[in-house]
């Protein structure tokens, strides 16, 4: 699940959230916003039974992303239907 929150100065907070046991082990979100760098944005366990992480981006950005879990397991967000030219999930914020 992805949520967006408008912030001042033309920014948007994008929160990536998954069920705590949806992906095995440590999971990070990687994408064009962090140069596809594994481990730089790790989903953290929350008290509501989910894991999540947020990034702040300029409003109007289009971002491609995927989830990367331990053992090199790549996953897509099933709620995101739009894809970029490489097949990665893509959203506009």
N, C-alpha and C. Protein backbone atom coordinates (compact mmCIF):
# COMPACT_ATOMS: atom_id res chain seq x y z
N UNK A 1 0.85 -1.16 0.00
CA UNK A 1 0.00 0.00 0.00
C UNK A 1 0.91 1.23 0.00
N UNK A 2 0.52 2.22 -0.78
CA UNK A 2 1.27 3.46 -0.85
C UNK A 2 0.33 4.60 -0.48
N UNK A 3 0.80 5.47 0.40
CA UNK A 3 0.02 6.65 0.76
C UNK A 3 0.85 7.89 0.45
N UNK A 4 0.15 8.94 0.08
CA UNK A 4 0.78 10.21 -0.25
C UNK A 4 0.25 11.28 0.69
N UNK A 5 1.14 12.16 1.16
CA UNK A 5 0.74 13.28 1.99
C UNK A 5 1.41 14.52 1.47
N UNK A 6 0.60 15.51 1.06
CA UNK A 6 1.14 16.77 0.59
C UNK A 6 1.79 17.51 1.75
N UNK A 7 2.96 18.05 1.48
CA UNK A 7 3.72 18.82 2.46
C UNK A 7 3.92 20.24 1.93
N UNK A 8 4.35 21.15 2.78
CA UNK A 8 4.62 22.51 2.31
C UNK A 8 5.76 22.54 1.28
N UNK A 9 5.84 23.63 0.56
CA UNK A 9 6.92 23.92 -0.38
C UNK A 9 6.99 22.95 -1.55
N UNK A 10 5.82 22.47 -1.99
CA UNK A 10 5.76 21.62 -3.18
C UNK A 10 6.35 20.23 -3.00
N UNK A 11 6.29 19.71 -1.80
CA UNK A 11 6.81 18.37 -1.52
C UNK A 11 5.68 17.40 -1.22
N UNK A 12 5.96 16.12 -1.36
CA UNK A 12 5.01 15.05 -1.06
C UNK A 12 5.75 13.96 -0.29
N UNK A 13 5.15 13.48 0.81
CA UNK A 13 5.70 12.33 1.53
C UNK A 13 5.05 11.09 0.97
N UNK A 14 5.87 10.17 0.47
CA UNK A 14 5.40 8.90 -0.07
C UNK A 14 5.74 7.82 0.96
N UNK A 15 4.72 7.12 1.45
CA UNK A 15 4.94 6.06 2.43
C UNK A 15 4.62 4.72 1.78
N UNK A 16 5.61 3.84 1.81
CA UNK A 16 5.49 2.48 1.30
C UNK A 16 5.20 1.59 2.50
N UNK A 17 4.15 0.78 2.42
CA UNK A 17 3.73 -0.02 3.56
C UNK A 17 3.29 -1.41 3.09
N UNK A 18 3.76 -2.44 3.80
CA UNK A 18 3.40 -3.83 3.49
C UNK A 18 3.07 -4.54 4.80
N UNK A 19 2.37 -5.66 4.70
CA UNK A 19 2.13 -6.49 5.88
C UNK A 19 3.47 -6.97 6.42
N UNK A 20 3.59 -7.07 7.72
CA UNK A 20 4.87 -7.41 8.36
C UNK A 20 5.46 -8.71 7.82
N UNK A 21 4.62 -9.70 7.51
CA UNK A 21 5.12 -10.98 7.03
C UNK A 21 4.97 -11.17 5.52
N UNK A 22 4.67 -10.10 4.79
CA UNK A 22 4.47 -10.21 3.34
C UNK A 22 5.76 -10.61 2.62
N UNK A 23 6.88 -10.06 3.06
CA UNK A 23 8.17 -10.38 2.46
C UNK A 23 9.08 -10.94 3.55
N UNK A 24 9.87 -11.97 3.25
CA UNK A 24 10.73 -12.59 4.27
C UNK A 24 11.91 -11.69 4.65
N UNK A 25 12.20 -11.62 5.95
CA UNK A 25 13.38 -10.90 6.44
C UNK A 25 13.36 -9.41 6.18
N UNK A 26 14.56 -8.85 6.23
CA UNK A 26 14.72 -7.40 6.00
C UNK A 26 14.31 -7.07 4.56
N UNK A 27 13.57 -5.99 4.41
CA UNK A 27 13.08 -5.57 3.09
C UNK A 27 13.34 -4.09 2.91
N UNK A 28 13.83 -3.72 1.75
CA UNK A 28 14.02 -2.30 1.45
C UNK A 28 13.23 -1.94 0.20
N UNK A 29 12.94 -0.66 0.09
CA UNK A 29 12.30 -0.15 -1.12
C UNK A 29 13.40 0.55 -1.91
N UNK A 30 13.50 0.17 -3.17
CA UNK A 30 14.53 0.74 -4.04
C UNK A 30 13.85 1.31 -5.27
N UNK A 31 14.42 2.36 -5.80
CA UNK A 31 13.81 2.98 -6.97
C UNK A 31 14.64 4.13 -7.50
N UNK A 32 14.07 4.84 -8.44
CA UNK A 32 14.76 5.96 -9.07
C UNK A 32 15.09 7.07 -8.07
N UNK A 33 14.38 7.14 -6.96
CA UNK A 33 14.57 8.18 -5.96
C UNK A 33 15.78 7.93 -5.05
N UNK A 34 16.35 6.71 -5.06
CA UNK A 34 17.54 6.41 -4.28
C UNK A 34 18.58 5.66 -5.12
N UNK A 35 18.55 5.92 -6.43
CA UNK A 35 19.49 5.30 -7.37
C UNK A 35 19.49 3.77 -7.30
N UNK A 36 18.33 3.20 -6.96
CA UNK A 36 18.16 1.75 -6.90
C UNK A 36 19.19 1.11 -5.94
N UNK A 37 19.44 1.78 -4.83
CA UNK A 37 20.43 1.32 -3.87
C UNK A 37 19.79 0.45 -2.79
N UNK A 38 20.07 -0.86 -2.79
CA UNK A 38 19.51 -1.74 -1.77
C UNK A 38 19.97 -1.34 -0.37
N UNK A 39 19.06 -1.43 0.60
CA UNK A 39 19.39 -1.16 1.98
C UNK A 39 19.39 0.29 2.40
N UNK A 40 19.25 1.23 1.46
CA UNK A 40 19.27 2.64 1.85
C UNK A 40 17.94 3.09 2.46
N UNK A 41 16.84 2.45 2.09
CA UNK A 41 15.54 2.77 2.67
C UNK A 41 14.89 1.45 3.09
N UNK A 42 15.06 1.11 4.36
CA UNK A 42 14.59 -0.17 4.89
C UNK A 42 13.21 0.00 5.50
N UNK A 43 12.32 -0.95 5.20
CA UNK A 43 10.99 -0.96 5.81
C UNK A 43 11.14 -1.40 7.26
N UNK A 44 10.59 -0.61 8.17
CA UNK A 44 10.69 -0.88 9.61
C UNK A 44 9.35 -1.38 10.14
N UNK A 45 9.41 -2.33 11.08
CA UNK A 45 8.21 -2.86 11.69
C UNK A 45 7.47 -1.81 12.50
N UNK A 46 6.15 -1.79 12.39
CA UNK A 46 5.30 -0.84 13.12
C UNK A 46 4.38 -1.61 14.05
N UNK A 47 3.80 -0.91 15.01
CA UNK A 47 2.93 -1.56 15.99
C UNK A 47 1.60 -2.01 15.38
N UNK A 48 1.26 -1.53 14.19
CA UNK A 48 0.01 -1.91 13.55
C UNK A 48 0.12 -3.19 12.71
N UNK A 49 1.25 -3.90 12.83
CA UNK A 49 1.42 -5.15 12.09
C UNK A 49 1.92 -4.97 10.67
N UNK A 50 2.44 -3.80 10.35
CA UNK A 50 2.95 -3.52 9.02
C UNK A 50 4.41 -3.14 9.10
N UNK A 51 5.08 -3.11 7.96
CA UNK A 51 6.42 -2.55 7.82
C UNK A 51 6.28 -1.39 6.85
N UNK A 52 6.98 -0.27 7.13
CA UNK A 52 6.85 0.87 6.25
C UNK A 52 8.11 1.73 6.25
N UNK A 53 8.21 2.57 5.24
CA UNK A 53 9.27 3.56 5.11
C UNK A 53 8.72 4.69 4.25
N UNK A 54 9.25 5.89 4.47
CA UNK A 54 8.77 7.07 3.73
C UNK A 54 9.93 7.79 3.07
N UNK A 55 9.62 8.44 1.96
CA UNK A 55 10.56 9.34 1.29
C UNK A 55 9.80 10.62 0.97
N UNK A 56 10.52 11.73 0.92
CA UNK A 56 9.93 13.02 0.56
C UNK A 56 10.47 13.42 -0.80
N UNK A 57 9.54 13.72 -1.71
CA UNK A 57 9.90 14.03 -3.09
C UNK A 57 9.19 15.30 -3.55
N UNK A 58 9.68 15.93 -4.62
CA UNK A 58 8.97 17.08 -5.17
C UNK A 58 7.62 16.66 -5.74
N UNK A 59 6.61 17.48 -5.52
CA UNK A 59 5.29 17.23 -6.09
C UNK A 59 5.41 17.17 -7.61
N UNK A 60 4.69 16.24 -8.22
CA UNK A 60 4.74 16.08 -9.67
C UNK A 60 5.76 15.05 -10.13
N UNK A 61 6.53 14.48 -9.20
CA UNK A 61 7.52 13.45 -9.56
C UNK A 61 6.83 12.18 -10.03
N UNK A 62 7.49 11.47 -10.90
CA UNK A 62 7.07 10.14 -11.31
C UNK A 62 8.17 9.20 -10.87
N UNK A 63 7.81 8.18 -10.09
CA UNK A 63 8.84 7.30 -9.58
C UNK A 63 8.55 5.84 -9.88
N UNK A 64 9.62 5.13 -10.18
CA UNK A 64 9.60 3.68 -10.37
C UNK A 64 10.26 3.06 -9.16
N UNK A 65 9.77 1.90 -8.73
CA UNK A 65 10.30 1.29 -7.52
C UNK A 65 10.00 -0.20 -7.49
N UNK A 66 10.68 -0.91 -6.59
CA UNK A 66 10.40 -2.31 -6.27
C UNK A 66 10.81 -2.55 -4.83
N UNK A 67 10.40 -3.68 -4.29
CA UNK A 67 10.83 -4.10 -2.96
C UNK A 67 11.89 -5.18 -3.13
N UNK A 68 12.93 -5.12 -2.28
CA UNK A 68 13.99 -6.12 -2.30
C UNK A 68 14.14 -6.71 -0.91
N UNK A 69 13.92 -8.03 -0.80
CA UNK A 69 13.99 -8.74 0.48
C UNK A 69 15.27 -9.54 0.57
N UNK A 70 15.55 -10.03 1.78
CA UNK A 70 16.73 -10.87 2.00
C UNK A 70 16.78 -12.00 0.98
N UNK A 71 17.97 -12.33 0.60
CA UNK A 71 18.15 -13.41 -0.37
C UNK A 71 17.98 -12.96 -1.80
N UNK A 72 17.85 -11.65 -2.03
CA UNK A 72 17.73 -11.13 -3.39
C UNK A 72 16.37 -11.31 -4.02
N UNK A 73 15.31 -11.40 -3.21
CA UNK A 73 13.95 -11.58 -3.72
C UNK A 73 13.32 -10.23 -4.06
N UNK A 74 13.05 -10.00 -5.34
CA UNK A 74 12.41 -8.77 -5.80
C UNK A 74 10.91 -8.97 -5.83
N UNK A 75 10.16 -7.93 -5.42
CA UNK A 75 8.69 -7.99 -5.42
C UNK A 75 8.12 -6.64 -5.86
N UNK A 76 6.93 -6.72 -6.40
CA UNK A 76 6.21 -5.51 -6.82
C UNK A 76 5.04 -5.26 -5.88
N UNK A 77 4.58 -4.03 -5.84
CA UNK A 77 3.38 -3.69 -5.07
C UNK A 77 2.18 -4.08 -5.91
N UNK A 78 1.36 -5.04 -5.46
CA UNK A 78 0.24 -5.52 -6.27
C UNK A 78 -0.83 -4.46 -6.52
N UNK A 79 -0.85 -3.40 -5.73
CA UNK A 79 -1.85 -2.35 -5.91
C UNK A 79 -1.48 -1.35 -7.00
N UNK A 80 -0.26 -1.42 -7.52
CA UNK A 80 0.19 -0.47 -8.54
C UNK A 80 0.14 -1.15 -9.90
N UNK A 81 -0.76 -0.68 -10.74
CA UNK A 81 -0.95 -1.30 -12.05
C UNK A 81 -0.03 -0.71 -13.12
N UNK A 82 0.31 0.58 -13.01
CA UNK A 82 1.12 1.24 -14.03
C UNK A 82 2.57 0.75 -13.96
N UNK A 83 3.21 0.59 -15.11
CA UNK A 83 4.58 0.11 -15.20
C UNK A 83 5.41 1.05 -16.07
N UNK A 84 6.72 1.12 -15.75
CA UNK A 84 7.62 1.89 -16.59
C UNK A 84 8.08 1.02 -17.76
N UNK A 85 9.01 1.53 -18.56
CA UNK A 85 9.44 0.78 -19.75
C UNK A 85 10.25 -0.48 -19.43
N UNK A 86 10.65 -0.66 -18.16
CA UNK A 86 11.36 -1.87 -17.76
C UNK A 86 10.46 -2.82 -16.96
N UNK A 87 9.18 -2.46 -16.83
CA UNK A 87 8.24 -3.34 -16.14
C UNK A 87 8.12 -3.09 -14.64
N UNK A 88 8.81 -2.06 -14.12
CA UNK A 88 8.75 -1.73 -12.70
C UNK A 88 7.49 -0.94 -12.39
N UNK A 89 6.91 -1.14 -11.20
CA UNK A 89 5.76 -0.33 -10.82
C UNK A 89 6.12 1.16 -10.85
N UNK A 90 5.16 1.97 -11.27
CA UNK A 90 5.41 3.41 -11.40
C UNK A 90 4.21 4.18 -10.88
N UNK A 91 4.50 5.24 -10.11
CA UNK A 91 3.44 6.12 -9.61
C UNK A 91 3.84 7.56 -9.83
N UNK A 92 2.84 8.42 -9.96
CA UNK A 92 3.05 9.87 -10.04
C UNK A 92 2.62 10.47 -8.72
N UNK A 93 3.44 11.36 -8.19
CA UNK A 93 3.10 11.99 -6.92
C UNK A 93 2.89 13.47 -7.14
